[in-house]
Amino acid sequence: YNQSLTGNTDFVARAGWARADVEVRPFGSDSDNGWFAEVGVRSMVTEALELNGFLTHTDAGGSDTGASIGGVYYLTPMIGITLDASFSDDAKIYQGGIRFAF
């Protein structure tokens, strides 16, 4: 769900099903299913830079709540470089990537 707050800022809400699979050799594997919900904002602060922040709760084999911040720098209107950091009770995750819009 996206709802425009201003001309360049959106409120975003997501919900879905989560599946976690873990395998550690030679100790075995485990998997679990559950749900997640996320709310946050995305804002185009310049024509080429989008910043975002989210709060997330996941309940799959245990309950975990966290927050994330990130951004996208658009090299062209269709290609952007992403950087994100997520912090929760269980983990710190840093990600980078490329976003293709089509």
N, C-alpha and C. Protein backbone atom coordinates (compact mmCIF):
# COMPACT_ATOMS: atom_id res chain seq x y z
N TYR A 1 0.84 -1.17 0.00
CA TYR A 1 0.00 0.00 0.00
C TYR A 1 0.89 1.23 0.00
N ASN A 2 0.67 2.14 -0.91
CA ASN A 2 1.38 3.43 -0.96
C ASN A 2 0.35 4.55 -0.92
N GLN A 3 0.61 5.55 -0.09
CA GLN A 3 -0.25 6.73 -0.01
C GLN A 3 0.62 7.97 -0.07
N SER A 4 0.35 8.83 -1.02
CA SER A 4 1.11 10.06 -1.16
C SER A 4 0.84 10.98 0.03
N LEU A 5 1.93 11.45 0.66
CA LEU A 5 1.80 12.43 1.74
C LEU A 5 2.04 13.84 1.23
N THR A 6 3.02 13.98 0.34
CA THR A 6 3.31 15.25 -0.34
C THR A 6 3.65 14.90 -1.78
N GLY A 7 4.05 15.89 -2.55
CA GLY A 7 4.40 15.65 -3.94
C GLY A 7 5.58 14.72 -4.14
N ASN A 8 6.45 14.60 -3.12
CA ASN A 8 7.63 13.75 -3.29
C ASN A 8 7.82 12.73 -2.16
N THR A 9 6.83 12.59 -1.26
CA THR A 9 6.96 11.67 -0.13
C THR A 9 5.73 10.77 -0.05
N ASP A 10 5.98 9.46 0.14
CA ASP A 10 4.92 8.47 0.25
C ASP A 10 5.00 7.74 1.58
N PHE A 11 3.84 7.42 2.14
CA PHE A 11 3.72 6.47 3.23
C PHE A 11 3.59 5.09 2.59
N VAL A 12 4.32 4.11 3.11
CA VAL A 12 4.32 2.76 2.54
C VAL A 12 3.99 1.76 3.64
N ALA A 13 3.08 0.83 3.36
CA ALA A 13 2.77 -0.27 4.28
C ALA A 13 2.81 -1.56 3.49
N ARG A 14 3.46 -2.57 4.06
CA ARG A 14 3.58 -3.87 3.41
C ARG A 14 3.25 -4.96 4.42
N ALA A 15 2.68 -6.03 3.95
CA ALA A 15 2.43 -7.21 4.79
C ALA A 15 2.61 -8.43 3.89
N GLY A 16 3.04 -9.51 4.50
CA GLY A 16 3.23 -10.70 3.68
C GLY A 16 3.63 -11.91 4.49
N TRP A 17 3.99 -12.94 3.77
CA TRP A 17 4.37 -14.21 4.34
C TRP A 17 5.88 -14.34 4.26
N ALA A 18 6.51 -14.78 5.34
CA ALA A 18 7.97 -14.93 5.40
C ALA A 18 8.32 -16.40 5.54
N ARG A 19 9.38 -16.81 4.88
CA ARG A 19 9.90 -18.17 5.02
C ARG A 19 11.40 -18.06 5.26
N ALA A 20 11.88 -18.75 6.27
CA ALA A 20 13.31 -18.75 6.59
C ALA A 20 13.84 -20.18 6.49
N ASP A 21 14.91 -20.36 5.73
CA ASP A 21 15.60 -21.64 5.61
C ASP A 21 17.05 -21.45 6.01
N VAL A 22 17.53 -22.28 6.92
CA VAL A 22 18.90 -22.20 7.38
C VAL A 22 19.52 -23.59 7.31
N GLU A 23 20.72 -23.66 6.74
CA GLU A 23 21.46 -24.92 6.71
C GLU A 23 22.89 -24.66 7.14
N VAL A 24 23.33 -25.37 8.16
CA VAL A 24 24.70 -25.26 8.66
C VAL A 24 25.31 -26.66 8.63
N ARG A 25 26.21 -26.86 7.71
CA ARG A 25 26.83 -28.19 7.59
C ARG A 25 27.93 -28.33 8.62
N PRO A 26 28.11 -29.36 9.31
CA PRO A 26 27.44 -30.66 9.30
C PRO A 26 26.33 -30.75 10.34
N PHE A 27 25.84 -29.62 10.86
CA PHE A 27 24.91 -29.64 11.98
C PHE A 27 23.45 -29.82 11.57
N GLY A 28 23.10 -29.61 10.33
CA GLY A 28 21.73 -29.81 9.89
C GLY A 28 21.08 -28.54 9.39
N SER A 29 19.76 -28.58 9.30
CA SER A 29 19.03 -27.45 8.75
C SER A 29 17.74 -27.24 9.53
N ASP A 30 17.13 -26.10 9.29
CA ASP A 30 15.87 -25.75 9.92
C ASP A 30 15.14 -24.78 9.01
N SER A 31 13.82 -24.77 9.10
CA SER A 31 13.03 -23.81 8.34
C SER A 31 11.82 -23.43 9.16
N ASP A 32 11.28 -22.26 8.84
CA ASP A 32 10.10 -21.79 9.55
C ASP A 32 9.32 -20.85 8.64
N ASN A 33 8.04 -20.70 8.93
CA ASN A 33 7.16 -19.80 8.19
C ASN A 33 6.49 -18.85 9.16
N GLY A 34 6.04 -17.73 8.65
CA GLY A 34 5.32 -16.77 9.47
C GLY A 34 4.94 -15.55 8.66
N TRP A 35 4.61 -14.48 9.33
CA TRP A 35 4.15 -13.27 8.66
C TRP A 35 5.08 -12.11 8.99
N PHE A 36 4.96 -11.06 8.16
CA PHE A 36 5.69 -9.82 8.44
C PHE A 36 4.81 -8.63 8.12
N ALA A 37 5.09 -7.51 8.77
CA ALA A 37 4.41 -6.25 8.49
C ALA A 37 5.47 -5.15 8.55
N GLU A 38 5.32 -4.17 7.67
CA GLU A 38 6.31 -3.09 7.58
C GLU A 38 5.61 -1.78 7.27
N VAL A 39 6.02 -0.70 7.91
CA VAL A 39 5.51 0.64 7.62
C VAL A 39 6.69 1.60 7.54
N GLY A 40 6.56 2.60 6.69
CA GLY A 40 7.64 3.57 6.57
C GLY A 40 7.32 4.67 5.58
N VAL A 41 8.34 5.43 5.25
CA VAL A 41 8.21 6.51 4.29
C VAL A 41 9.33 6.43 3.26
N ARG A 42 9.02 6.86 2.05
CA ARG A 42 9.98 7.02 0.96
C ARG A 42 9.85 8.43 0.45
N SER A 43 10.99 9.10 0.22
CA SER A 43 10.92 10.48 -0.22
C SER A 43 12.01 10.77 -1.26
N MET A 44 11.63 11.41 -2.35
CA MET A 44 12.59 11.89 -3.34
C MET A 44 13.07 13.25 -2.85
N VAL A 45 14.27 13.28 -2.25
CA VAL A 45 14.78 14.52 -1.70
C VAL A 45 15.42 15.41 -2.76
N THR A 46 15.88 14.81 -3.86
CA THR A 46 16.30 15.53 -5.06
C THR A 46 15.78 14.74 -6.25
N GLU A 47 16.03 15.22 -7.45
CA GLU A 47 15.59 14.48 -8.64
C GLU A 47 16.28 13.13 -8.77
N ALA A 48 17.46 12.98 -8.17
CA ALA A 48 18.22 11.74 -8.32
C ALA A 48 18.35 10.93 -7.02
N LEU A 49 17.90 11.45 -5.87
CA LEU A 49 18.13 10.77 -4.60
C LEU A 49 16.83 10.50 -3.85
N GLU A 50 16.58 9.22 -3.57
CA GLU A 50 15.44 8.80 -2.77
C GLU A 50 15.96 8.28 -1.43
N LEU A 51 15.38 8.73 -0.32
CA LEU A 51 15.71 8.22 1.00
C LEU A 51 14.48 7.54 1.58
N ASN A 52 14.71 6.50 2.43
CA ASN A 52 13.59 5.79 3.02
C ASN A 52 13.92 5.32 4.42
N GLY A 53 12.88 5.08 5.19
CA GLY A 53 13.01 4.54 6.53
C GLY A 53 11.79 3.68 6.84
N PHE A 54 12.01 2.51 7.48
CA PHE A 54 10.93 1.57 7.75
C PHE A 54 11.06 0.96 9.14
N LEU A 55 9.92 0.61 9.72
CA LEU A 55 9.84 -0.22 10.91
C LEU A 55 9.22 -1.54 10.48
N THR A 56 9.81 -2.67 10.93
CA THR A 56 9.37 -3.99 10.48
C THR A 56 9.17 -4.91 11.67
N HIS A 57 8.15 -5.74 11.60
CA HIS A 57 7.95 -6.81 12.58
C HIS A 57 7.77 -8.12 11.82
N THR A 58 8.52 -9.13 12.22
CA THR A 58 8.43 -10.45 11.61
C THR A 58 8.15 -11.47 12.70
N ASP A 59 7.24 -12.40 12.41
CA ASP A 59 6.93 -13.47 13.34
C ASP A 59 7.02 -14.78 12.57
N ALA A 60 8.23 -15.31 12.48
CA ALA A 60 8.49 -16.58 11.78
C ALA A 60 9.50 -17.36 12.60
N GLY A 61 9.04 -18.28 13.42
CA GLY A 61 9.93 -19.03 14.28
C GLY A 61 10.45 -18.21 15.44
N GLY A 62 9.81 -17.14 15.73
CA GLY A 62 10.21 -16.20 16.77
C GLY A 62 9.83 -14.81 16.34
N SER A 63 9.73 -13.93 17.27
CA SER A 63 9.31 -12.57 16.98
C SER A 63 10.54 -11.67 16.88
N ASP A 64 10.58 -10.80 15.87
CA ASP A 64 11.70 -9.89 15.68
C ASP A 64 11.18 -8.55 15.17
N THR A 65 11.62 -7.47 15.79
CA THR A 65 11.24 -6.12 15.38
C THR A 65 12.50 -5.34 15.05
N GLY A 66 12.43 -4.54 13.98
CA GLY A 66 13.61 -3.80 13.59
C GLY A 66 13.28 -2.54 12.82
N ALA A 67 14.34 -1.85 12.44
CA ALA A 67 14.22 -0.61 11.68
C ALA A 67 15.26 -0.63 10.56
N SER A 68 14.95 0.06 9.49
CA SER A 68 15.91 0.16 8.39
C SER A 68 15.90 1.56 7.82
N ILE A 69 17.06 1.95 7.31
CA ILE A 69 17.21 3.20 6.59
C ILE A 69 17.93 2.90 5.29
N GLY A 70 17.66 3.68 4.28
CA GLY A 70 18.34 3.42 3.02
C GLY A 70 18.10 4.52 2.02
N GLY A 71 18.62 4.27 0.84
CA GLY A 71 18.47 5.24 -0.22
C GLY A 71 18.78 4.65 -1.57
N VAL A 72 18.36 5.38 -2.58
CA VAL A 72 18.64 5.03 -3.97
C VAL A 72 19.16 6.28 -4.67
N TYR A 73 20.32 6.16 -5.29
CA TYR A 73 20.82 7.24 -6.13
C TYR A 73 20.62 6.82 -7.57
N TYR A 74 19.78 7.55 -8.31
CA TYR A 74 19.44 7.20 -9.69
C TYR A 74 20.47 7.76 -10.64
N LEU A 75 21.16 6.85 -11.34
CA LEU A 75 22.11 7.24 -12.38
C LEU A 75 21.38 7.71 -13.62
N THR A 76 20.27 7.06 -13.91
CA THR A 76 19.34 7.43 -14.98
C THR A 76 17.94 7.27 -14.40
N PRO A 77 16.90 7.71 -15.09
CA PRO A 77 15.55 7.49 -14.55
C PRO A 77 15.20 6.01 -14.36
N MET A 78 15.95 5.10 -14.99
CA MET A 78 15.63 3.67 -14.91
C MET A 78 16.65 2.85 -14.13
N ILE A 79 17.81 3.41 -13.76
CA ILE A 79 18.85 2.65 -13.08
C ILE A 79 19.33 3.42 -11.86
N GLY A 80 19.34 2.74 -10.70
CA GLY A 80 19.79 3.37 -9.46
C GLY A 80 20.69 2.46 -8.65
N ILE A 81 21.53 3.05 -7.83
CA ILE A 81 22.38 2.32 -6.91
C ILE A 81 21.74 2.41 -5.53
N THR A 82 21.59 1.26 -4.84
CA THR A 82 20.92 1.23 -3.55
C THR A 82 21.91 0.93 -2.42
N LEU A 83 21.67 1.54 -1.26
CA LEU A 83 22.37 1.23 -0.02
C LEU A 83 21.34 1.21 1.09
N ASP A 84 21.37 0.16 1.92
CA ASP A 84 20.42 0.00 3.01
C ASP A 84 21.12 -0.56 4.24
N ALA A 85 20.63 -0.19 5.42
CA ALA A 85 21.09 -0.75 6.68
C ALA A 85 19.87 -1.10 7.51
N SER A 86 19.84 -2.34 8.03
CA SER A 86 18.73 -2.81 8.85
C SER A 86 19.26 -3.24 10.21
N PHE A 87 18.53 -2.88 11.25
CA PHE A 87 18.93 -3.21 12.61
C PHE A 87 17.74 -3.80 13.34
N SER A 88 17.91 -4.99 13.92
CA SER A 88 16.83 -5.63 14.65
C SER A 88 17.39 -6.28 15.91
N ASP A 89 16.50 -6.94 16.65
CA ASP A 89 16.93 -7.65 17.85
C ASP A 89 17.94 -8.74 17.52
N ASP A 90 17.81 -9.35 16.35
CA ASP A 90 18.61 -10.51 15.99
C ASP A 90 19.78 -10.25 15.05
N ALA A 91 19.79 -9.15 14.31
CA ALA A 91 20.82 -8.99 13.28
C ALA A 91 21.02 -7.54 12.89
N LYS A 92 22.20 -7.29 12.33
CA LYS A 92 22.51 -6.04 11.62
C LYS A 92 22.84 -6.45 10.20
N ILE A 93 22.15 -5.84 9.24
CA ILE A 93 22.33 -6.21 7.84
C ILE A 93 22.61 -4.96 7.03
N TYR A 94 23.67 -5.02 6.23
CA TYR A 94 24.03 -3.93 5.33
C TYR A 94 23.95 -4.47 3.90
N GLN A 95 23.26 -3.74 3.03
CA GLN A 95 23.04 -4.21 1.66
C GLN A 95 23.35 -3.12 0.66
N GLY A 96 23.78 -3.52 -0.49
CA GLY A 96 23.95 -2.63 -1.62
C GLY A 96 23.51 -3.34 -2.87
N GLY A 97 23.08 -2.59 -3.86
CA GLY A 97 22.63 -3.23 -5.08
C GLY A 97 22.30 -2.24 -6.17
N ILE A 98 21.69 -2.75 -7.19
CA ILE A 98 21.26 -1.94 -8.34
C ILE A 98 19.77 -2.11 -8.52
N ARG A 99 19.05 -1.02 -8.70
CA ARG A 99 17.60 -1.06 -8.95
C ARG A 99 17.36 -0.72 -10.42
N PHE A 100 16.58 -1.58 -11.06
CA PHE A 100 16.15 -1.35 -12.43
C PHE A 100 14.65 -1.07 -12.41
N ALA A 101 14.24 0.05 -12.96
CA ALA A 101 12.82 0.40 -13.05
C ALA A 101 12.38 0.21 -14.50
N PHE A 102 11.27 -0.46 -14.67
CA PHE A 102 10.75 -0.68 -16.04
C PHE A 102 9.24 -0.70 -16.03
